[in-house]
């Protein structure tokens, strides 16, 4: 599956506007640099998995709302996972991404 970063940016912008937040407010909440969110929303910058997770926490949703256009709000456990990911370095994030990809493909 190929990710459409332009669509991801539009979904992030839609969620931000739905919550009535300014880009600068979300950048502060997600610990992003100045104007980085603007570039993501316009499809200019490609956000990392970590940035997608931070934006999901800042915008009170799940990463799948941005990635595939759907959100799961019935369980708040994703926030705990997102918070753990925020503390990881690049090596650990790569490993976490591999594990999460494997889990997503498994039938439980």
PDB file of N, CA and C in Angstrom:
ATOM      1  N   UNK A   1       0.846  -1.184   0.000  1.00  0.00           N
ATOM      2  CA  UNK A   1       0.000   0.000   0.000  1.00  0.00           C
ATOM      3  C   UNK A   1       0.890   1.245   0.000  1.00  0.00           C
ATOM      4  N   UNK A   2       0.671   2.089  -0.949  1.00  0.00           N
ATOM      5  CA  UNK A   2       1.418   3.347  -1.078  1.00  0.00           C
ATOM      6  C   UNK A   2       0.696   4.448  -0.300  1.00  0.00           C
ATOM      7  N   UNK A   3       1.433   5.177   0.512  1.00  0.00           N
ATOM      8  CA  UNK A   3       0.836   6.268   1.278  1.00  0.00           C
ATOM      9  C   UNK A   3       0.768   7.534   0.439  1.00  0.00           C
ATOM     10  N   UNK A   4      -0.363   8.199   0.495  1.00  0.00           N
ATOM     11  CA  UNK A   4      -0.554   9.465  -0.206  1.00  0.00           C
ATOM     12  C   UNK A   4      -0.362  10.586   0.813  1.00  0.00           C
ATOM     13  N   UNK A   5       0.829  11.179   0.828  1.00  0.00           N
ATOM     14  CA  UNK A   5       1.164  12.177   1.853  1.00  0.00           C
ATOM     15  C   UNK A   5       0.349  13.458   1.701  1.00  0.00           C
ATOM     16  N   UNK A   6      -0.130  13.722   0.522  1.00  0.00           N
ATOM     17  CA  UNK A   6      -1.002  14.877   0.326  1.00  0.00           C
ATOM     18  C   UNK A   6      -2.329  14.654   1.072  1.00  0.00           C
ATOM     19  N   UNK A   7      -2.865  13.441   0.961  1.00  0.00           N
ATOM     20  CA  UNK A   7      -4.111  13.099   1.653  1.00  0.00           C
ATOM     21  C   UNK A   7      -3.904  13.056   3.166  1.00  0.00           C
ATOM     22  N   UNK A   8      -2.760  12.526   3.592  1.00  0.00           N
ATOM     23  CA  UNK A   8      -2.448  12.495   5.025  1.00  0.00           C
ATOM     24  C   UNK A   8      -2.437  13.920   5.573  1.00  0.00           C
ATOM     25  N   UNK A   9      -1.794  14.828   4.857  1.00  0.00           N
ATOM     26  CA  UNK A   9      -1.745  16.225   5.274  1.00  0.00           C
ATOM     27  C   UNK A   9      -3.127  16.849   5.362  1.00  0.00           C
ATOM     28  N   UNK A  10      -3.978  16.530   4.389  1.00  0.00           N
ATOM     29  CA  UNK A  10      -5.339  17.065   4.388  1.00  0.00           C
ATOM     30  C   UNK A  10      -6.138  16.534   5.581  1.00  0.00           C
ATOM     31  N   UNK A  11      -5.933  15.259   5.913  1.00  0.00           N
ATOM     32  CA  UNK A  11      -6.646  14.676   7.056  1.00  0.00           C
ATOM     33  C   UNK A  11      -6.191  15.308   8.371  1.00  0.00           C
ATOM     34  N   UNK A  12      -4.887  15.556   8.476  1.00  0.00           N
ATOM     35  CA  UNK A  12      -4.358  16.215   9.671  1.00  0.00           C
ATOM     36  C   UNK A  12      -4.950  17.613   9.800  1.00  0.00           C
ATOM     37  N   UNK A  13      -4.969  18.354   8.695  1.00  0.00           N
ATOM     38  CA  UNK A  13      -5.522  19.713   8.693  1.00  0.00           C
ATOM     39  C   UNK A  13      -7.012  19.693   9.062  1.00  0.00           C
ATOM     40  N   UNK A  14      -7.742  18.735   8.519  1.00  0.00           N
ATOM     41  CA  UNK A  14      -9.175  18.632   8.801  1.00  0.00           C
ATOM     42  C   UNK A  14      -9.402  18.395  10.298  1.00  0.00           C
ATOM     43  N   UNK A  15      -8.609  17.494  10.880  1.00  0.00           N
ATOM     44  CA  UNK A  15      -8.764  17.202  12.307  1.00  0.00           C
ATOM     45  C   UNK A  15      -8.411  18.427  13.162  1.00  0.00           C
ATOM     46  N   UNK A  16      -7.324  19.100  12.798  1.00  0.00           N
ATOM     47  CA  UNK A  16      -6.886  20.292  13.530  1.00  0.00           C
ATOM     48  C   UNK A  16      -7.974  21.357  13.503  1.00  0.00           C
ATOM     49  N   UNK A  17      -8.533  21.587  12.328  1.00  0.00           N
ATOM     50  CA  UNK A  17      -9.581  22.606  12.184  1.00  0.00           C
ATOM     51  C   UNK A  17     -10.844  22.201  12.934  1.00  0.00           C
ATOM     52  N   UNK A  18     -11.155  20.908  12.917  1.00  0.00           N
ATOM     53  CA  UNK A  18     -12.323  20.402  13.658  1.00  0.00           C
ATOM     54  C   UNK A  18     -12.195  20.719  15.145  1.00  0.00           C
ATOM     55  N   UNK A  19     -10.979  20.637  15.665  1.00  0.00           N
ATOM     56  CA  UNK A  19     -10.745  20.943  17.077  1.00  0.00           C
ATOM     57  C   UNK A  19     -10.566  22.437  17.336  1.00  0.00           C
ATOM     58  N   UNK A  20     -10.550  23.245  16.268  1.00  0.00           N
ATOM     59  CA  UNK A  20     -10.406  24.687  16.413  1.00  0.00           C
ATOM     60  C   UNK A  20      -9.013  25.121  16.841  1.00  0.00           C
ATOM     61  N   UNK A  21      -8.006  24.353  16.446  1.00  0.00           N
ATOM     62  CA  UNK A  21      -6.630  24.663  16.833  1.00  0.00           C
ATOM     63  C   UNK A  21      -5.852  25.316  15.696  1.00  0.00           C
ATOM     64  N   UNK A  22      -4.938  26.182  16.044  1.00  0.00           N
ATOM     65  CA  UNK A  22      -4.041  26.796  15.076  1.00  0.00           C
ATOM     66  C   UNK A  22      -2.832  25.886  14.891  1.00  0.00           C
ATOM     67  N   UNK A  23      -2.169  26.029  13.758  1.00  0.00           N
ATOM     68  CA  UNK A  23      -0.993  25.206  13.487  1.00  0.00           C
ATOM     69  C   UNK A  23       0.050  25.359  14.583  1.00  0.00           C
ATOM     70  N   UNK A  24       0.295  26.568  15.030  1.00  0.00           N
ATOM     71  CA  UNK A  24       1.307  26.813  16.064  1.00  0.00           C
ATOM     72  C   UNK A  24       0.956  26.085  17.364  1.00  0.00           C
ATOM     73  N   UNK A  25      -0.336  26.008  17.694  1.00  0.00           N
ATOM     74  CA  UNK A  25      -0.748  25.308  18.904  1.00  0.00           C
ATOM     75  C   UNK A  25      -0.448  23.812  18.803  1.00  0.00           C
ATOM     76  N   UNK A  26      -0.728  23.248  17.644  1.00  0.00           N
ATOM     77  CA  UNK A  26      -0.483  21.820  17.441  1.00  0.00           C
ATOM     78  C   UNK A  26       1.011  21.543  17.402  1.00  0.00           C
ATOM     79  N   UNK A  27       1.768  22.430  16.757  1.00  0.00           N
ATOM     80  CA  UNK A  27       3.228  22.257  16.723  1.00  0.00           C
ATOM     81  C   UNK A  27       3.799  22.237  18.131  1.00  0.00           C
ATOM     82  N   UNK A  28       3.281  23.096  18.986  1.00  0.00           N
ATOM     83  CA  UNK A  28       3.760  23.135  20.375  1.00  0.00           C
ATOM     84  C   UNK A  28       3.375  21.855  21.118  1.00  0.00           C
ATOM     85  N   UNK A  29       2.121  21.429  20.974  1.00  0.00           N
ATOM     86  CA  UNK A  29       1.656  20.212  21.638  1.00  0.00           C
ATOM     87  C   UNK A  29       2.431  18.979  21.174  1.00  0.00           C
ATOM     88  N   UNK A  30       2.762  18.929  19.896  1.00  0.00           N
ATOM     89  CA  UNK A  30       3.430  17.761  19.317  1.00  0.00           C
ATOM     90  C   UNK A  30       4.945  17.911  19.295  1.00  0.00           C
ATOM     91  N   UNK A  31       5.444  19.025  19.822  1.00  0.00           N
ATOM     92  CA  UNK A  31       6.883  19.293  19.860  1.00  0.00           C
ATOM     93  C   UNK A  31       7.491  19.265  18.455  1.00  0.00           C
ATOM     94  N   UNK A  32       6.866  20.017  17.553  1.00  0.00           N
ATOM     95  CA  UNK A  32       7.334  20.124  16.172  1.00  0.00           C
ATOM     96  C   UNK A  32       7.935  21.504  15.938  1.00  0.00           C
ATOM     97  N   UNK A  33       8.799  21.587  14.960  1.00  0.00           N
ATOM     98  CA  UNK A  33       9.417  22.857  14.610  1.00  0.00           C
ATOM     99  C   UNK A  33       8.441  23.815  13.946  1.00  0.00           C
ATOM    100  N   UNK A  34       8.830  25.086  13.948  1.00  0.00           N
ATOM    101  CA  UNK A  34       8.038  26.162  13.350  1.00  0.00           C
ATOM    102  C   UNK A  34       7.791  25.880  11.865  1.00  0.00           C
ATOM    103  N   UNK A  35       6.541  25.949  11.442  1.00  0.00           N
ATOM    104  CA  UNK A  35       6.078  25.775  10.056  1.00  0.00           C
ATOM    105  C   UNK A  35       6.162  24.335   9.539  1.00  0.00           C
ATOM    106  N   UNK A  36       6.616  23.391  10.391  1.00  0.00           N
ATOM    107  CA  UNK A  36       6.698  22.000   9.938  1.00  0.00           C
ATOM    108  C   UNK A  36       5.306  21.448   9.664  1.00  0.00           C
ATOM    109  N   UNK A  37       4.348  21.754  10.539  1.00  0.00           N
ATOM    110  CA  UNK A  37       2.984  21.272  10.343  1.00  0.00           C
ATOM    111  C   UNK A  37       2.389  21.823   9.055  1.00  0.00           C
ATOM    112  N   UNK A  38       2.665  23.060   8.749  1.00  0.00           N
ATOM    113  CA  UNK A  38       2.185  23.648   7.499  1.00  0.00           C
ATOM    114  C   UNK A  38       2.690  22.848   6.303  1.00  0.00           C
ATOM    115  N   UNK A  39       3.963  22.478   6.350  1.00  0.00           N
ATOM    116  CA  UNK A  39       4.540  21.696   5.247  1.00  0.00           C
ATOM    117  C   UNK A  39       3.930  20.301   5.169  1.00  0.00           C
ATOM    118  N   UNK A  40       3.635  19.703   6.308  1.00  0.00           N
ATOM    119  CA  UNK A  40       2.989  18.384   6.321  1.00  0.00           C
ATOM    120  C   UNK A  40       1.586  18.490   5.745  1.00  0.00           C
ATOM    121  N   UNK A  41       0.829  19.482   6.205  1.00  0.00           N
ATOM    122  CA  UNK A  41      -0.552  19.636   5.754  1.00  0.00           C
ATOM    123  C   UNK A  41      -0.645  19.909   4.253  1.00  0.00           C
ATOM    124  N   UNK A  42       0.364  20.539   3.697  1.00  0.00           N
ATOM    125  CA  UNK A  42       0.363  20.820   2.249  1.00  0.00           C
ATOM    126  C   UNK A  42       1.032  19.713   1.433  1.00  0.00           C
ATOM    127  N   UNK A  43       1.469  18.646   2.106  1.00  0.00           N
ATOM    128  CA  UNK A  43       2.075  17.521   1.397  1.00  0.00           C
ATOM    129  C   UNK A  43       3.494  17.777   0.944  1.00  0.00           C
ATOM    130  N   UNK A  44       4.143  18.802   1.483  1.00  0.00           N
ATOM    131  CA  UNK A  44       5.516  19.146   1.109  1.00  0.00           C
ATOM    132  C   UNK A  44       6.510  18.298   1.899  1.00  0.00           C
ATOM    133  N   UNK A  45       6.261  18.152   3.203  1.00  0.00           N
ATOM    134  CA  UNK A  45       7.120  17.345   4.064  1.00  0.00           C
ATOM    135  C   UNK A  45       6.457  16.004   4.341  1.00  0.00           C
ATOM    136  N   UNK A  46       7.276  14.957   4.416  1.00  0.00           N
ATOM    137  CA  UNK A  46       6.787  13.617   4.715  1.00  0.00           C
ATOM    138  C   UNK A  46       7.065  13.341   6.192  1.00  0.00           C
ATOM    139  N   UNK A  47       6.008  13.200   6.989  1.00  0.00           N
ATOM    140  CA  UNK A  47       6.197  12.979   8.426  1.00  0.00           C
ATOM    141  C   UNK A  47       6.655  11.558   8.720  1.00  0.00           C
ATOM    142  N   UNK A  48       7.505  11.419   9.724  1.00  0.00           N
ATOM    143  CA  UNK A  48       7.945  10.101  10.172  1.00  0.00           C
ATOM    144  C   UNK A  48       6.820   9.448  10.968  1.00  0.00           C
ATOM    145  N   UNK A  49       7.001   8.176  11.268  1.00  0.00           N
ATOM    146  CA  UNK A  49       6.036   7.467  12.107  1.00  0.00           C
ATOM    147  C   UNK A  49       5.908   8.153  13.455  1.00  0.00           C
ATOM    148  N   UNK A  50       7.030   8.574  14.008  1.00  0.00           N
ATOM    149  CA  UNK A  50       7.012   9.250  15.305  1.00  0.00           C
ATOM    150  C   UNK A  50       6.199  10.537  15.241  1.00  0.00           C
ATOM    151  N   UNK A  51       6.369  11.308  14.182  1.00  0.00           N
ATOM    152  CA  UNK A  51       5.624  12.572  14.040  1.00  0.00           C
ATOM    153  C   UNK A  51       4.135  12.291  13.890  1.00  0.00           C
ATOM    154  N   UNK A  52       3.772  11.273  13.127  1.00  0.00           N
ATOM    155  CA  UNK A  52       2.362  10.897  12.983  1.00  0.00           C
ATOM    156  C   UNK A  52       1.785  10.550  14.359  1.00  0.00           C
ATOM    157  N   UNK A  53       2.554   9.810  15.155  1.00  0.00           N
ATOM    158  CA  UNK A  53       2.089   9.440  16.491  1.00  0.00           C
ATOM    159  C   UNK A  53       1.929  10.672  17.379  1.00  0.00           C
ATOM    160  N   UNK A  54       2.889  11.583  17.326  1.00  0.00           N
ATOM    161  CA  UNK A  54       2.800  12.798  18.154  1.00  0.00           C
ATOM    162  C   UNK A  54       1.616  13.646  17.736  1.00  0.00           C
ATOM    163  N   UNK A  55       1.380  13.749  16.436  1.00  0.00           N
ATOM    164  CA  UNK A  55       0.229  14.519  15.950  1.00  0.00           C
ATOM    165  C   UNK A  55      -1.078  13.862  16.380  1.00  0.00           C
ATOM    166  N   UNK A  56      -1.133  12.542  16.356  1.00  0.00           N
ATOM    167  CA  UNK A  56      -2.344  11.847  16.791  1.00  0.00           C
ATOM    168  C   UNK A  56      -2.643  12.155  18.258  1.00  0.00           C
ATOM    169  N   UNK A  57      -1.615  12.139  19.086  1.00  0.00           N
ATOM    170  CA  UNK A  57      -1.812  12.460  20.514  1.00  0.00           C
ATOM    171  C   UNK A  57      -2.247  13.919  20.649  1.00  0.00           C
ATOM    172  N   UNK A  58      -1.561  14.821  19.969  1.00  0.00           N
ATOM    173  CA  UNK A  58      -1.871  16.249  20.068  1.00  0.00           C
ATOM    174  C   UNK A  58      -3.282  16.559  19.575  1.00  0.00           C
ATOM    175  N   UNK A  59      -3.743  15.795  18.579  1.00  0.00           N
ATOM    176  CA  UNK A  59      -5.056  16.040  17.997  1.00  0.00           C
ATOM    177  C   UNK A  59      -6.115  15.051  18.488  1.00  0.00           C
ATOM    178  N   UNK A  60      -5.767  14.325  19.566  1.00  0.00           N
ATOM    179  CA  UNK A  60      -6.715  13.448  20.252  1.00  0.00           C
ATOM    180  C   UNK A  60      -7.418  12.475  19.316  1.00  0.00           C
ATOM    181  N   UNK A  61      -6.621  11.759  18.543  1.00  0.00           N
ATOM    182  CA  UNK A  61      -7.168  10.763  17.633  1.00  0.00           C
ATOM    183  C   UNK A  61      -6.168   9.634  17.491  1.00  0.00           C
ATOM    184  N   UNK A  62      -6.434   8.748  16.561  1.00  0.00           N
ATOM    185  CA  UNK A  62      -5.524   7.644  16.296  1.00  0.00           C
ATOM    186  C   UNK A  62      -4.777   7.898  14.993  1.00  0.00           C
ATOM    187  N   UNK A  63      -3.582   7.338  14.853  1.00  0.00           N
ATOM    188  CA  UNK A  63      -2.815   7.539  13.623  1.00  0.00           C
ATOM    189  C   UNK A  63      -3.554   7.071  12.370  1.00  0.00           C
ATOM    190  N   UNK A  64      -4.404   6.063  12.505  1.00  0.00           N
ATOM    191  CA  UNK A  64      -5.116   5.580  11.325  1.00  0.00           C
ATOM    192  C   UNK A  64      -6.082   6.609  10.753  1.00  0.00           C
ATOM    193  N   UNK A  65      -6.497   7.573  11.560  1.00  0.00           N
ATOM    194  CA  UNK A  65      -7.340   8.644  10.999  1.00  0.00           C
ATOM    195  C   UNK A  65      -6.559   9.413   9.936  1.00  0.00           C
ATOM    196  N   UNK A  66      -5.271   9.611  10.173  1.00  0.00           N
ATOM    197  CA  UNK A  66      -4.427  10.322   9.204  1.00  0.00           C
ATOM    198  C   UNK A  66      -3.990   9.413   8.065  1.00  0.00           C
ATOM    199  N   UNK A  67      -3.630   8.189   8.394  1.00  0.00           N
ATOM    200  CA  UNK A  67      -3.045   7.290   7.401  1.00  0.00           C
ATOM    201  C   UNK A  67      -4.069   6.714   6.437  1.00  0.00           C
ATOM    202  N   UNK A  68      -5.234   6.307   6.959  1.00  0.00           N
ATOM    203  CA  UNK A  68      -6.232   5.680   6.088  1.00  0.00           C
ATOM    204  C   UNK A  68      -7.604   6.347   6.138  1.00  0.00           C
ATOM    205  N   UNK A  69      -7.741   7.373   6.952  1.00  0.00           N
ATOM    206  CA  UNK A  69      -8.996   8.127   6.976  1.00  0.00           C
ATOM    207  C   UNK A  69     -10.047   7.605   7.931  1.00  0.00           C
ATOM    208  N   UNK A  70      -9.683   6.681   8.835  1.00  0.00           N
ATOM    209  CA  UNK A  70     -10.623   6.189   9.835  1.00  0.00           C
ATOM    210  C   UNK A  70      -9.978   6.310  11.207  1.00  0.00           C
ATOM    211  N   UNK A  71     -10.805   6.420  12.206  1.00  0.00           N
ATOM    212  CA  UNK A  71     -10.293   6.535  13.577  1.00  0.00           C
ATOM    213  C   UNK A  71     -11.021   5.572  14.481  1.00  0.00           C
ATOM    214  N   UNK A  72     -10.298   5.060  15.471  1.00  0.00           N
ATOM    215  CA  UNK A  72     -10.897   4.198  16.484  1.00  0.00           C
ATOM    216  C   UNK A  72     -10.821   4.928  17.812  1.00  0.00           C
ATOM    217  N   UNK A  73     -11.967   5.292  18.338  1.00  0.00           N
ATOM    218  CA  UNK A  73     -12.007   6.034  19.604  1.00  0.00           C
ATOM    219  C   UNK A  73     -12.551   5.202  20.753  1.00  0.00           C
ATOM    220  N   UNK A  74     -12.967   3.951  20.468  1.00  0.00           N
ATOM    221  CA  UNK A  74     -13.586   3.171  21.525  1.00  0.00           C
ATOM    222  C   UNK A  74     -12.594   2.728  22.595  1.00  0.00           C
ATOM    223  N   UNK A  75     -11.329   2.684  22.265  1.00  0.00           N
ATOM    224  CA  UNK A  75     -10.318   2.227  23.211  1.00  0.00           C
ATOM    225  C   UNK A  75      -9.200   3.261  23.265  1.00  0.00           C
ATOM    226  N   UNK A  76      -8.856   3.680  24.447  1.00  0.00           N
ATOM    227  CA  UNK A  76      -7.834   4.709  24.607  1.00  0.00           C
ATOM    228  C   UNK A  76      -6.429   4.130  24.773  1.00  0.00           C
ATOM    229  N   UNK A  77      -6.265   2.824  24.640  1.00  0.00           N
ATOM    230  CA  UNK A  77      -4.957   2.185  24.817  1.00  0.00           C
ATOM    231  C   UNK A  77      -3.937   2.710  23.818  1.00  0.00           C
ATOM    232  N   UNK A  78      -4.367   3.149  22.644  1.00  0.00           N
ATOM    233  CA  UNK A  78      -3.436   3.659  21.635  1.00  0.00           C
ATOM    234  C   UNK A  78      -2.644   4.845  22.168  1.00  0.00           C
ATOM    235  N   UNK A  79      -3.250   5.633  23.072  1.00  0.00           N
ATOM    236  CA  UNK A  79      -2.539   6.783  23.633  1.00  0.00           C
ATOM    237  C   UNK A  79      -1.341   6.329  24.465  1.00  0.00           C
ATOM    238  N   UNK A  80      -1.512   5.231  25.191  1.00  0.00           N
ATOM    239  CA  UNK A  80      -0.400   4.705  25.981  1.00  0.00           C
ATOM    240  C   UNK A  80       0.743   4.255  25.068  1.00  0.00           C
ATOM    241  N   UNK A  81       0.399   3.613  23.969  1.00  0.00           N
ATOM    242  CA  UNK A  81       1.414   3.178  23.009  1.00  0.00           C
ATOM    243  C   UNK A  81       2.086   4.396  22.384  1.00  0.00           C
ATOM    244  N   UNK A  82       1.314   5.388  22.020  1.00  0.00           N
ATOM    245  CA  UNK A  82       1.879   6.606  21.413  1.00  0.00           C
ATOM    246  C   UNK A  82       2.846   7.291  22.370  1.00  0.00           C
ATOM    247  N   UNK A  83       2.497   7.341  23.643  1.00  0.00           N
ATOM    248  CA  UNK A  83       3.379   7.977  24.624  1.00  0.00           C
ATOM    249  C   UNK A  83       4.692   7.211  24.763  1.00  0.00           C
ATOM    250  N   UNK A  84       4.625   5.893  24.715  1.00  0.00           N
ATOM    251  CA  UNK A  84       5.855   5.095  24.757  1.00  0.00           C
ATOM    252  C   UNK A  84       6.724   5.378  23.536  1.00  0.00           C
ATOM    253  N   UNK A  85       6.111   5.477  22.385  1.00  0.00           N
ATOM    254  CA  UNK A  85       6.868   5.730  21.157  1.00  0.00           C
ATOM    255  C   UNK A  85       7.545   7.093  21.185  1.00  0.00           C
ATOM    256  N   UNK A  86       6.924   8.044  21.816  1.00  0.00           N
ATOM    257  CA  UNK A  86       7.493   9.400  21.885  1.00  0.00           C
ATOM    258  C   UNK A  86       8.848   9.427  22.576  1.00  0.00           C
ATOM    259  N   UNK A  87       9.083   8.494  23.469  1.00  0.00           N
ATOM    260  CA  UNK A  87      10.320   8.490  24.246  1.00  0.00           C
ATOM    261  C   UNK A  87      11.445   7.711  23.578  1.00  0.00           C
ATOM    262  N   UNK A  88      11.170   7.073  22.459  1.00  0.00           N
ATOM    263  CA  UNK A  88      12.145   6.177  21.834  1.00  0.00           C
ATOM    264  C   UNK A  88      13.091   6.902  20.882  1.00  0.00           C
ATOM    265  N   UNK A  89      14.312   6.375  20.811  1.00  0.00           N
ATOM    266  CA  UNK A  89      15.276   6.888  19.839  1.00  0.00           C
ATOM    267  C   UNK A  89      15.008   6.208  18.490  1.00  0.00           C
ATOM    268  N   UNK A  90      15.759   6.608  17.475  1.00  0.00           N
ATOM    269  CA  UNK A  90      15.525   6.122  16.108  1.00  0.00           C
ATOM    270  C   UNK A  90      15.646   4.603  16.003  1.00  0.00           C
ATOM    271  N   UNK A  91      16.608   4.024  16.687  1.00  0.00           N
ATOM    272  CA  UNK A  91      16.816   2.577  16.627  1.00  0.00           C
ATOM    273  C   UNK A  91      15.614   1.833  17.210  1.00  0.00           C
ATOM    274  N   UNK A  92      15.124   2.314  18.350  1.00  0.00           N
ATOM    275  CA  UNK A  92      13.966   1.678  18.977  1.00  0.00           C
ATOM    276  C   UNK A  92      12.693   1.897  18.150  1.00  0.00           C
ATOM    277  N   UNK A  93      12.550   3.071  17.548  1.00  0.00           N
ATOM    278  CA  UNK A  93      11.379   3.328  16.708  1.00  0.00           C
ATOM    279  C   UNK A  93      11.347   2.404  15.501  1.00  0.00           C
ATOM    280  N   UNK A  94      12.492   2.141  14.928  1.00  0.00           N
ATOM    281  CA  UNK A  94      12.563   1.236  13.771  1.00  0.00           C
ATOM    282  C   UNK A  94      12.117  -0.160  14.190  1.00  0.00           C
ATOM    283  N   UNK A  95      12.592  -0.607  15.334  1.00  0.00           N
ATOM    284  CA  UNK A  95      12.201  -1.910  15.851  1.00  0.00           C
ATOM    285  C   UNK A  95      10.700  -1.937  16.169  1.00  0.00           C
ATOM    286  N   UNK A  96      10.198  -0.881  16.801  1.00  0.00           N
ATOM    287  CA  UNK A  96       8.768  -0.797  17.125  1.00  0.00           C
ATOM    288  C   UNK A  96       7.924  -0.823  15.858  1.00  0.00           C
ATOM    289  N   UNK A  97       8.379  -0.133  14.832  1.00  0.00           N
ATOM    290  CA  UNK A  97       7.653  -0.118  13.561  1.00  0.00           C
ATOM    291  C   UNK A  97       7.577  -1.526  12.981  1.00  0.00           C
ATOM    292  N   UNK A  98       8.683  -2.253  13.020  1.00  0.00           N
ATOM    293  CA  UNK A  98       8.701  -3.635  12.517  1.00  0.00           C
ATOM    294  C   UNK A  98       7.734  -4.514  13.301  1.00  0.00           C
ATOM    295  N   UNK A  99       7.764  -4.377  14.618  1.00  0.00           N
ATOM    296  CA  UNK A  99       6.878  -5.168  15.461  1.00  0.00           C
ATOM    297  C   UNK A  99       5.417  -4.826  15.194  1.00  0.00           C
ATOM    298  N   UNK A 100       5.095  -3.544  15.108  1.00  0.00           N
ATOM    299  CA  UNK A 100       3.711  -3.136  14.861  1.00  0.00           C
ATOM    300  C   UNK A 100       3.236  -3.575  13.483  1.00  0.00           C
ATOM    301  N   UNK A 101       4.111  -3.531  12.497  1.00  0.00           N
ATOM    302  CA  UNK A 101       3.761  -4.013  11.158  1.00  0.00           C
ATOM    303  C   UNK A 101       3.443  -5.505  11.207  1.00  0.00           C
ATOM    304  N   UNK A 102       4.304  -6.255  11.900  1.00  0.00           N
ATOM    305  CA  UNK A 102       4.072  -7.691  12.033  1.00  0.00           C
ATOM    306  C   UNK A 102       2.742  -7.959  12.741  1.00  0.00           C
ATOM    307  N   UNK A 103       2.491  -7.253  13.846  1.00  0.00           N
ATOM    308  CA  UNK A 103       1.244  -7.438  14.593  1.00  0.00           C
ATOM    309  C   UNK A 103       0.018  -7.129  13.741  1.00  0.00           C
ATOM    310  N   UNK A 104       0.105  -6.082  12.939  1.00  0.00           N
ATOM    311  CA  UNK A 104      -1.022  -5.680  12.096  1.00  0.00           C
ATOM    312  C   UNK A 104      -1.363  -6.754  11.062  1.00  0.00           C
ATOM    313  N   UNK A 105      -0.361  -7.526  10.672  1.00  0.00           N
ATOM    314  CA  UNK A 105      -0.571  -8.548   9.648  1.00  0.00           C
ATOM    315  C   UNK A 105      -1.012  -9.891  10.233  1.00  0.00           C
ATOM    316  N   UNK A 106      -0.875 -10.064  11.542  1.00  0.00           N
ATOM    317  CA  UNK A 106      -1.234 -11.314  12.198  1.00  0.00           C
ATOM    318  C   UNK A 106      -2.740 -11.398  12.469  1.00  0.00           C
ATOM    319  N   UNK A 107      -3.258 -12.594  12.360  1.00  0.00           N
ATOM    320  CA  UNK A 107      -4.653 -12.827  12.724  1.00  0.00           C
ATOM    321  C   UNK A 107      -4.668 -13.322  14.162  1.00  0.00           C
ATOM    322  N   UNK A 108      -5.301 -12.564  15.036  1.00  0.00           N
ATOM    323  CA  UNK A 108      -5.341 -12.928  16.460  1.00  0.00           C
ATOM    324  C   UNK A 108      -6.658 -13.577  16.821  1.00  0.00           C
TER     325      UNK A 108
END
